[in-house]
Amino acid sequence: MGASLYFFILYVDDILFATNDLGLLSETKRFLSNNFEMKHMGEAYYVIGIEIFCDRLQGLLGLSQNAYINKVLEIFRMDKCSASPVPI
């Protein structure tokens, strides 16, 4: 196996973990839960306006702000406009 990758994302009082090493993930969660009050919320699919999608078979992790973009378009009443090429 190659190198272990570990992402620890903290936003206010929420923490997201992403890793390719499940042993390291378990060890980290155990350490943090022994030192802090924690609640495991399961896999994250959507956080702070960002959709998270994962395909474990292909080893892919993706992020999308499509829902946020659509919300901004609605706010400015541009959600029904049609795209067209613009010459530069």
Foldseek 3Di string as FASTA:
>chain_A
DDDKDWDWDDDPHDIDIDIPDVVVVVVVVVVCVVVDPDDDPPDDQDDPQKGWDDDVVVGDIDIDNVVVVCVVCVVVVNNPPDDDDDDD
